[in-house]
Every structure is written in structure tokens, then in C-alpha cells.
Protein backbone atom coordinates (compact mmCIF):
# COMPACT_ATOMS: atom_id res chain seq x y z
CA MET A 1 101.44 142.81 2.64
CA THR A 2 102.85 139.27 2.25
CA ASP A 3 101.16 136.50 0.51
CA PHE A 4 101.02 133.01 -1.54
CA PRO A 5 100.80 131.80 -4.65
CA GLY A 6 97.23 131.24 -5.21
CA ALA A 7 95.97 133.09 -1.59
CA PRO A 8 92.01 132.99 -2.36
CA ASP A 9 90.66 136.21 -2.63
CA SER A 10 86.99 135.78 -3.79
CA GLN A 11 84.47 138.07 -3.33
CA ALA A 12 86.52 141.37 -3.93
CA PRO A 13 89.49 140.22 -5.72
CA ARG A 14 92.42 142.83 -5.02
CA LYS A 15 96.14 142.07 -4.39
CA GLY A 16 96.82 142.25 -0.84
CA ARG A 17 93.49 141.65 0.74
CA ARG A 18 93.11 140.86 4.13
CA LEU A 19 91.44 137.32 4.44
CA ARG A 20 89.68 135.45 7.15
CA VAL A 21 91.80 131.89 7.49
CA LEU A 22 90.62 129.12 9.14
CA ALA A 23 93.86 127.08 9.98
CA ALA A 24 93.39 123.68 10.59
CA MET A 25 95.82 122.64 13.37
CA SER A 26 97.26 119.32 13.24
CA GLY A 27 99.14 119.58 16.49
CA GLY A 28 102.29 118.96 14.15
CA VAL A 29 105.07 121.10 13.10
CA ASP A 30 104.13 122.10 9.33
CA SER A 31 100.45 123.30 10.00
CA ALA A 32 101.72 125.42 13.38
CA VAL A 33 104.50 126.94 11.07
CA ALA A 34 101.84 127.56 8.05
CA ALA A 35 99.23 129.20 10.67
CA ALA A 36 102.00 130.94 11.97
CA ARG A 37 103.28 132.30 8.36
CA ALA A 38 99.60 133.13 7.40
CA ALA A 39 99.06 135.13 10.34
CA GLU A 40 102.80 136.96 9.64
CA ALA A 41 101.31 137.97 6.31
CA GLY A 42 98.75 140.24 7.36
CA HIS A 43 96.09 137.89 7.83
CA ASP A 44 92.94 137.32 10.39
CA VAL A 45 93.86 133.96 11.12
CA THR A 46 92.21 131.51 13.98
CA GLY A 47 93.35 127.74 14.77
CA VAL A 48 91.00 125.07 14.87
CA HIS A 49 91.92 121.51 15.60
CA LEU A 50 89.62 118.66 14.44
CA ALA A 51 88.64 116.57 17.43
CA LEU A 52 88.35 113.19 15.10
CA SER A 53 87.57 110.49 17.25
CA ALA A 54 85.08 109.38 20.14
CA ASN A 55 88.16 108.07 22.19
CA PRO A 56 91.20 109.87 21.20
CA GLN A 57 93.21 107.92 23.37
CA SER A 58 93.02 104.98 21.57
CA PHE A 59 94.66 107.04 18.76
CA ARG A 60 98.03 106.98 17.76
CA THR A 61 99.99 109.55 20.51
CA GLY A 62 103.95 110.08 20.18
CA ALA A 63 104.06 111.67 17.26
CA ARG A 64 102.91 114.20 14.35
CA GLY A 65 99.00 112.77 14.40
CA CYS A 66 95.84 114.72 14.35
CA CYS A 67 93.38 113.38 16.29
CA THR A 68 94.78 112.59 19.93
CA ILE A 69 94.41 114.76 23.51
CA GLU A 70 98.21 115.49 23.07
CA ASP A 71 98.16 116.82 19.52
CA SER A 72 95.07 118.97 20.83
CA ARG A 73 97.24 120.40 23.28
CA ASP A 74 99.98 121.09 20.87
CA ALA A 75 97.98 122.57 18.69
CA ARG A 76 96.75 124.84 21.12
CA ARG A 77 99.74 125.89 22.73
CA ALA A 78 101.32 126.78 18.90
CA ALA A 79 97.98 128.92 18.56
CA ASP A 80 98.74 131.06 22.00
CA VAL A 81 102.12 131.16 20.31
CA ILE A 82 101.36 132.49 17.15
CA GLY A 83 98.88 134.57 19.53
CA ILE A 84 95.78 133.79 17.06
CA PRO A 85 92.34 132.68 18.65
CA PHE A 86 91.98 128.67 18.89
CA TYR A 87 89.06 126.63 18.82
CA CYS A 88 88.74 122.64 19.10
CA TRP A 89 85.43 121.23 16.80
CA ASP A 90 84.38 117.88 16.77
CA LEU A 91 83.90 116.13 13.81
CA ALA A 92 84.10 112.38 14.93
CA GLU A 93 81.21 111.12 14.00
CA ARG A 94 81.87 112.45 10.21
CA PHE A 95 85.42 111.05 10.44
CA ARG A 96 84.08 107.84 11.51
CA GLU A 97 81.66 107.70 8.97
CA ASP A 98 83.37 109.28 6.17
CA VAL A 99 87.04 107.92 6.55
CA VAL A 100 86.93 104.73 8.84
CA GLU A 101 83.91 102.52 8.39
CA ASP A 102 85.01 103.92 4.13
CA PHE A 103 88.48 102.68 4.87
CA VAL A 104 87.07 98.99 6.58
CA ALA A 105 84.38 98.73 3.66
CA GLU A 106 87.51 99.19 1.05
CA TYR A 107 89.17 96.61 2.82
CA GLN A 108 86.29 94.04 3.26
CA ALA A 109 85.82 94.36 -0.56
CA GLY A 110 89.45 93.46 -1.71
CA ARG A 111 90.44 96.64 -2.22
CA THR A 112 92.96 99.12 -0.72
CA PRO A 113 92.15 102.58 0.34
CA ASN A 114 94.07 105.85 0.62
CA PRO A 115 92.41 106.98 4.19
CA CYS A 116 94.46 110.52 4.26
CA LEU A 117 93.29 111.65 0.34
CA ARG A 118 89.67 110.30 1.63
CA CYS A 119 89.75 112.47 4.86
CA ASN A 120 90.85 115.57 3.05
CA GLU A 121 88.68 115.01 0.21
CA LYS A 122 85.31 114.19 2.92
CA ILE A 123 86.87 116.53 6.25
CA LYS A 124 89.15 118.92 5.55
CA PHE A 125 88.21 120.48 2.04
CA ALA A 126 84.08 119.43 2.52
CA ALA A 127 82.98 119.54 6.32
CA LEU A 128 85.87 121.63 7.69
CA LEU A 129 85.12 123.99 4.46
CA ASP A 130 81.51 124.23 4.32
CA LYS A 131 81.41 125.36 8.36
CA ALA A 132 83.78 127.81 7.49
CA LEU A 133 82.56 129.19 4.91
CA ALA A 134 79.24 129.32 6.96
CA LEU A 135 81.04 131.12 9.31
CA GLY A 136 82.74 133.96 7.28
CA PHE A 137 85.63 133.05 6.90
CA ASP A 138 87.92 133.25 3.47
CA ALA A 139 89.82 130.15 3.03
CA VAL A 140 91.03 127.18 4.61
CA CYS A 141 95.05 126.97 5.49
CA THR A 142 96.59 123.59 6.06
CA GLY A 143 100.34 122.62 6.59
CA HIS A 144 100.18 120.40 2.78
CA TYR A 145 103.13 120.55 0.55
CA ALA A 146 101.24 121.89 -2.64
CA THR A 147 100.81 125.09 -4.68
CA VAL A 148 97.94 126.69 -5.85
CA VAL A 149 98.26 128.93 -9.55
CA VAL A 150 95.92 131.44 -10.21
CA ASN A 151 95.41 131.93 -14.26
CA GLU A 152 94.78 135.30 -15.91
CA ASP A 153 91.56 134.54 -16.19
CA GLY A 154 91.03 133.44 -12.77
CA THR A 155 90.81 130.13 -12.76
CA ARG A 156 92.94 128.15 -10.44
CA GLU A 157 95.11 125.14 -10.58
CA LEU A 158 96.79 122.64 -8.22
CA HIS A 159 100.58 121.96 -8.60
CA ARG A 160 103.29 120.34 -7.45
CA ALA A 161 105.55 121.47 -4.32
CA SER A 162 108.68 123.43 -5.22
CA ASP A 163 110.18 120.58 -3.30
CA MET A 164 109.19 117.12 -4.83
CA ALA A 165 111.01 115.28 -1.99
CA LYS A 166 108.11 116.71 0.24
CA ASP A 167 105.18 117.33 -1.93
CA GLN A 168 101.79 116.25 -1.24
CA SER A 169 100.12 116.91 -4.08
CA TYR A 170 98.91 113.12 -4.66
CA VAL A 171 96.49 113.37 -1.50
CA LEU A 172 95.05 116.56 -2.50
CA GLY A 173 94.29 115.17 -6.30
CA VAL A 174 90.51 115.74 -4.81
CA LEU A 175 89.99 118.66 -4.92
CA ASP A 176 87.55 120.77 -7.44
CA GLU A 177 87.87 124.17 -8.45
CA ARG A 178 85.35 125.66 -5.53
CA GLN A 179 87.50 124.10 -2.92
CA LEU A 180 90.89 125.19 -4.56
CA ALA A 181 89.43 128.94 -4.46
CA HIS A 182 89.44 128.65 -1.00
CA ALA A 183 92.45 126.76 -0.08
CA MET A 184 95.71 127.91 1.12
CA PHE A 185 99.13 125.98 1.61
CA PRO A 186 101.77 128.53 3.09
CA LEU A 187 104.69 125.87 2.47
CA GLY A 188 103.84 124.78 -0.83
CA ASP A 189 106.28 127.34 -2.65
CA THR A 190 109.05 126.87 -0.10
CA ILE A 191 112.42 125.03 -1.45
CA THR A 192 113.54 123.88 2.17
CA THR A 193 114.33 120.99 3.88
CA LYS A 194 112.39 119.49 7.21
CA GLU A 195 115.48 120.80 9.12
CA GLU A 196 114.48 124.14 8.23
CA ILE A 197 111.03 123.60 8.51
CA ARG A 198 111.71 122.88 12.24
CA ALA A 199 114.33 125.07 12.51
CA GLU A 200 111.98 127.90 11.30
CA ALA A 201 108.92 126.30 14.07
CA GLU A 202 112.31 126.49 17.46
CA ARG A 203 113.28 130.30 15.93
CA ARG A 204 109.25 131.21 16.78
CA GLY A 205 109.41 129.85 19.89
CA LEU A 206 106.62 126.83 18.71
CA ALA A 207 107.09 123.48 21.07
CA VAL A 208 106.23 121.51 18.01
CA ALA A 209 109.70 122.09 16.26
CA LYS A 210 110.95 118.94 17.54
CA LYS A 211 107.81 116.68 17.20
CA PRO A 212 108.45 113.30 15.32
CA ASP A 213 106.19 112.75 12.00
CA SER A 214 104.12 110.21 11.66
CA HIS A 215 103.51 108.47 8.34
CA ASP A 216 101.36 105.98 9.78
CA ILE A 217 97.18 105.58 9.63
CA CYS A 218 96.11 107.83 13.03
CA PHE A 219 93.22 105.55 13.53
CA ILE A 220 95.09 102.88 13.48
CA ALA A 221 96.73 102.97 17.37
CA ASP A 222 99.21 100.17 17.46
CA GLY A 223 100.20 100.26 13.40
CA ASP A 224 98.39 97.00 13.59
CA THR A 225 96.30 97.04 10.40
CA GLN A 226 95.60 93.52 9.78
CA GLY A 227 94.77 93.53 13.84
CA PHE A 228 92.40 96.22 13.85
CA LEU A 229 90.74 94.96 10.66
CA ALA A 230 90.38 91.40 12.00
CA LYS A 231 88.72 93.54 15.02
CA ARG A 232 85.90 94.93 13.04
CA LEU A 233 85.29 91.71 10.56
CA GLY A 234 86.22 88.83 12.62
CA ARG A 235 88.86 85.76 11.48
CA ALA A 236 87.90 84.10 8.26
CA GLU A 237 90.10 81.61 7.37
CA GLY A 238 90.56 80.75 3.35
CA ASP A 239 92.56 79.88 0.95
CA ILE A 240 95.51 80.79 -0.72
CA VAL A 241 96.01 79.65 -4.29
CA ASP A 242 98.88 79.44 -6.67
CA GLU A 243 97.71 80.55 -10.92
CA SER A 244 96.19 77.49 -11.46
CA GLY A 245 94.00 77.02 -8.52
CA THR A 246 96.47 75.09 -5.95
CA ARG A 247 96.07 75.45 -2.81
CA VAL A 248 99.48 76.40 -1.71
CA GLY A 249 98.46 77.83 2.32
CA THR A 250 95.56 79.72 4.33
CA HIS A 251 94.99 82.76 6.00
CA GLU A 252 92.71 84.38 8.47
CA GLY A 253 90.92 87.02 6.19
CA ALA A 254 91.50 88.22 2.80
CA TYR A 255 90.87 91.39 3.87
CA GLY A 256 94.51 91.39 5.38
CA PHE A 257 95.98 91.50 2.21
CA THR A 258 96.80 93.96 -0.82
CA ILE A 259 98.01 93.54 -4.10
CA GLY A 260 101.76 93.35 -4.72
CA GLN A 261 102.41 91.90 -1.07
CA ARG A 262 105.14 89.50 -0.92
CA LYS A 263 105.88 89.88 3.01
CA GLY A 264 103.56 87.60 5.57
CA LEU A 265 101.69 85.53 3.17
CA ARG A 266 102.98 82.38 5.34
CA ILE A 267 102.89 80.28 2.79
CA GLY A 268 104.86 76.67 3.93
CA HIS A 269 106.52 75.75 0.80
CA PRO A 270 108.37 77.64 -2.25
CA ALA A 271 107.50 77.98 -5.63
CA PRO A 272 108.19 75.25 -7.89
CA ASP A 273 110.66 78.27 -9.44
CA GLY A 274 112.42 78.64 -5.94
CA LYS A 275 111.28 82.34 -6.92
CA PRO A 276 109.28 84.49 -4.23
CA ARG A 277 105.42 84.93 -4.72
CA TYR A 278 103.30 88.13 -4.50
CA VAL A 279 99.81 88.43 -4.01
CA LEU A 280 98.26 88.93 -7.28
CA ASP A 281 94.32 89.06 -6.61
CA ILE A 282 92.01 89.32 -3.53
CA SER A 283 88.61 87.75 -3.68
CA PRO A 284 85.99 88.30 -0.95
CA VAL A 285 83.19 86.51 -2.59
CA ASN A 286 85.04 82.97 -1.80
CA ASN A 287 87.86 84.88 0.56
CA THR A 288 90.24 83.54 -1.61
CA VAL A 289 94.01 84.94 -2.39
CA THR A 290 96.00 84.03 -5.48
CA VAL A 291 99.52 84.93 -5.36
CA GLY A 292 102.04 84.15 -8.59
CA PRO A 293 105.58 85.44 -9.71
CA ALA A 294 106.58 89.06 -9.85
CA GLU A 295 106.33 89.48 -13.71
CA ALA A 296 102.30 88.62 -13.35
CA LEU A 297 101.55 92.16 -11.93
CA ASP A 298 103.09 93.80 -14.58
CA VAL A 299 99.42 95.89 -15.41
CA ILE A 300 99.32 98.09 -18.73
CA ALA A 301 95.94 99.59 -18.58
CA LEU A 302 93.18 100.55 -15.81
CA THR A 303 89.62 101.55 -15.26
CA ALA A 304 89.09 104.19 -12.68
CA ILE A 305 85.91 105.53 -11.04
CA LYS A 306 84.36 109.10 -9.62
CA PRO A 307 86.75 110.83 -11.33
CA ARG A 308 87.41 114.44 -9.35
CA TRP A 309 89.10 117.30 -11.87
CA CYS A 310 91.05 120.01 -10.34
CA GLY A 311 89.81 122.34 -12.94
CA VAL A 312 87.92 121.52 -16.08
CA ALA A 313 87.30 118.39 -16.68
CA PRO A 314 89.20 116.62 -20.36
CA THR A 315 86.55 115.33 -22.83
CA GLU A 316 89.35 114.06 -25.30
CA PRO A 317 92.24 111.20 -24.94
CA GLY A 318 95.28 113.41 -23.75
CA THR A 319 99.22 112.47 -22.66
CA TYR A 320 99.71 112.63 -18.80
CA THR A 321 102.00 111.48 -15.91
CA ALA A 322 100.24 109.27 -13.23
CA GLN A 323 101.47 108.85 -9.44
CA LEU A 324 99.88 105.72 -8.34
CA ARG A 325 100.39 106.14 -4.29
CA ALA A 326 101.19 109.07 -1.94
CA HIS A 327 105.14 108.19 -2.28
CA GLY A 328 105.16 106.68 -5.53
CA GLY A 329 106.72 108.35 -8.74
CA GLU A 330 105.53 109.14 -12.10
CA THR A 331 104.84 106.93 -14.97
CA PRO A 332 103.72 108.06 -18.66
CA VAL A 333 100.14 107.27 -19.46
CA THR A 334 97.30 108.17 -21.84
CA ALA A 335 94.13 108.84 -20.19
CA GLU A 336 90.32 109.18 -21.70
CA PRO A 337 87.40 109.82 -19.96
CA VAL A 338 84.55 107.64 -20.63
CA GLY A 339 81.49 109.49 -19.45
CA ASP A 340 81.14 111.38 -16.37
CA SER A 341 82.02 108.48 -14.16
CA GLU A 342 84.91 106.69 -15.61
CA LEU A 343 88.55 107.09 -16.70
CA ARG A 344 90.69 104.68 -19.13
CA VAL A 345 94.25 104.56 -18.66
CA THR A 346 96.82 102.66 -20.73
CA PHE A 347 100.59 102.47 -19.29
CA THR A 348 103.35 103.60 -21.65
CA GLU A 349 105.25 100.81 -20.16
CA PRO A 350 103.43 98.28 -17.25
CA VAL A 351 103.71 99.19 -13.61
CA ARG A 352 103.80 96.72 -10.98
CA GLY A 353 101.34 96.81 -7.32
CA VAL A 354 98.22 98.91 -8.35
CA ALA A 355 95.33 97.77 -6.64
CA PRO A 356 91.96 98.47 -6.96
CA GLY A 357 90.91 101.36 -4.34
CA GLN A 358 94.04 103.31 -4.67
CA ALA A 359 94.10 106.71 -6.22
CA ILE A 360 95.47 107.10 -10.01
CA VAL A 361 96.43 111.05 -10.04
CA LEU A 362 97.18 112.74 -13.35
CA TYR A 363 99.70 115.07 -14.03
CA ASP A 364 100.26 117.76 -16.94
CA GLY A 365 104.31 118.82 -15.67
CA THR A 366 103.27 120.09 -12.21
CA ARG A 367 100.09 120.55 -12.55
CA VAL A 368 97.41 118.45 -10.95
CA VAL A 369 94.93 117.29 -13.51
CA GLY A 370 92.63 115.34 -11.40
CA SER A 371 92.03 112.11 -9.59
CA ALA A 372 90.10 108.73 -9.78
CA THR A 373 89.75 105.52 -7.82
CA ILE A 374 90.94 102.15 -9.52
CA ALA A 375 88.44 99.99 -9.85
CA ALA A 376 89.84 96.99 -12.04
CA THR A 377 93.18 96.17 -13.95
CA GLU A 378 94.50 94.89 -16.85
CA ARG A 379 97.45 92.50 -16.89
CA ALA A 380 100.07 91.79 -19.25
CA ALA A 381 100.17 87.93 -18.39
CA LEU A 382 96.38 87.97 -19.05
CA ARG A 383 96.38 90.19 -22.54
CA ALA A 384 99.64 87.82 -23.93
CA ALA A 385 97.12 84.61 -23.26
CA GLN A 386 94.67 85.40 -25.28
């Protein structure tokens, strides 16, 4: 029978074993096609939509989401067309605690979180996977673009998707070896355009074939992150200062800014040199935002915490490439674990827009080595001034 690279085969390894697969169906085209491919490969597939909001009407609608009533109905219709059982599981409270409240707390602390990465870690490959395994399923299938590779010794590795333009391995970098052993990504080894995926969905009779994608945060209904945070945290006026500490403007909440931000600073007068100013630092302690020139953003090293390894954890310094945001490029680095809880990373060339709270994901070629959360950065300008 047809199968996918890295398809789980626990308990009784043998080629072509029919697996019990729980397909996470968001209501979008990717997860619908992934579920259809898993069923077509001969696996015993059950679709499940995760109800992640206690009030789903407050979540974004009209695009590929994962949380609205519209999305749950789209997922159910897709499951009916594929011919698989379908259920809706309520994980709203877990999502609120592990993703939404974490998102708010991180911004309140002056950090910039990635809620999609946290959702994969805490919801789809923790809460969902644990429940799936308890019910006797072998694997959780999603529409992510990434690939699992099985080595000769049976260990598993997470690799980039065959099509780099759609690769989503960055937001899966938090998965450990146990989770990879029960993960299935039917779209990961497919070199196709999104239009071809949509065409496949249409051939299969899936109504979501023309449903638009969305890259917005699903739990912020209108896409206004700053407004969402203001409602949760309240407005707190503070100062915007330059590198010398001179007050150049005011803000209504330091949580509304992120490192490297240029637009929306609302500074009434230009810098003395006439160049644009960027957010260099956010201090929640005194509610101050510091701005300065672009070159002051150059980061040459960082410390990251809470490393999670996609396989055996490295014990010595190594040379890798690093990705710092979901749609960012790679940059060469040297990384060294410091005990079990820290990672020290040095960049070959300075990089900009690196913010505490972001994830750094290390790669060895196409292989995902692991992920960690950025805790502190070292700026080139500060080292030069010492």
C-alpha cells in the first residue's frame, strides 16, 4: 500500500502496516488533503476538529482558521466527502491556558511569542497526541509541510519539506523524538504549488479547495494584536526614549511593541540624522520603549532557554544554520548547550530583529536539530562600546 516517509509503525514494525490515524482537521485545505491522502494510503483514519474557543464566534472567520464554527463545519463536510468518521473535541480551556494566556503574559513581560509554535507544542502534539494514544491511535496526522525521516536504527528525524517555499518545520521544531514517532505529515514530501494542492482538493470534491489561507493569529478576531492586548492588560502610558534616555514620545502600553519595529512609533520629530528609528528595547519594569538607528539592532550572539531536541541532544559546540522566525531565512551559527536548560548561539554575521521570546530553530542541512526560546541577546554596538 502507498505510505509516507516516516509514517509511524510502533508496536509491530513492518512495512505497509495499516495504522489507526487521527487526522487533525482545521477546516482548511491542507489538513483536508492530508487526511484524504492518509485514508487513500489505506490507513484507518478518523477526523477530529479541535474546538479551541469557548466562544468560537469571537475567533477569526472567512479564512483558513482552526477555531470557528465555520471551520468546524468545513472540516466535517470534508470528512464526509473523504468517508471517514469525524468528531469535535473541546480543548478550549487547555488552549486558553497554554496558548492565549501564555501569549498575553509574554507580551506583558516585554517578549515576542509565537503562538502557532506554542499550539503545536502544547495542543496538537501534547494534549491531542496524548488523548489519541490513550484511545489506541498510532499517529496524529496534520497538514503541516515537513518530513519525518526514519534512520536504519529506527530513530526518527524531522526535516524540512521538499518544497522550501511551503516548509513549516520551524513551528514544529519543538517536537521531541517521542512525538515524532507518532507524527504523520502527508504533504511534506510533495513538491507542488499551493494551487496544485487546491486542484487536488477540488478533484477530491472537497469544498475547502478555494478557501483562502490566513497567516493571522486565530484568536485575535480583527487582527489587531495591540488592541487585543490593551483589552487584556489595560492602557498604560509610558515614555519612548532614544539611546541617550531622552524622551522623544509616549505610548499607551509597552506591550504593544516588538524589537525591530519601525512603523507605528508615533514619534513627533525625526532623529537628528534624519534616519528612521526602530524599537531597540522594551522595559516592562518602567514601561519604557527605547528606539534608535537600524545598526543598533545588530545581534552577534544570544542565549536561549528551554531547549527541545528533535532526537539526541548535542553535548558539544556545533556548526548549524538557524531560523529565527516562521517565514525567515537561515543564517550560519555556532551553538553550544550550557547544561540542560540553556543554549549559547553565536552568529557568523550580525542579524537584526531578534527579540526575546522568539524561537530559534537549529538545522543541520534539512534536519531540524532542535528549538529554544530566546532569552537575551548581545548587540554588536554594545560590545564595540566596551
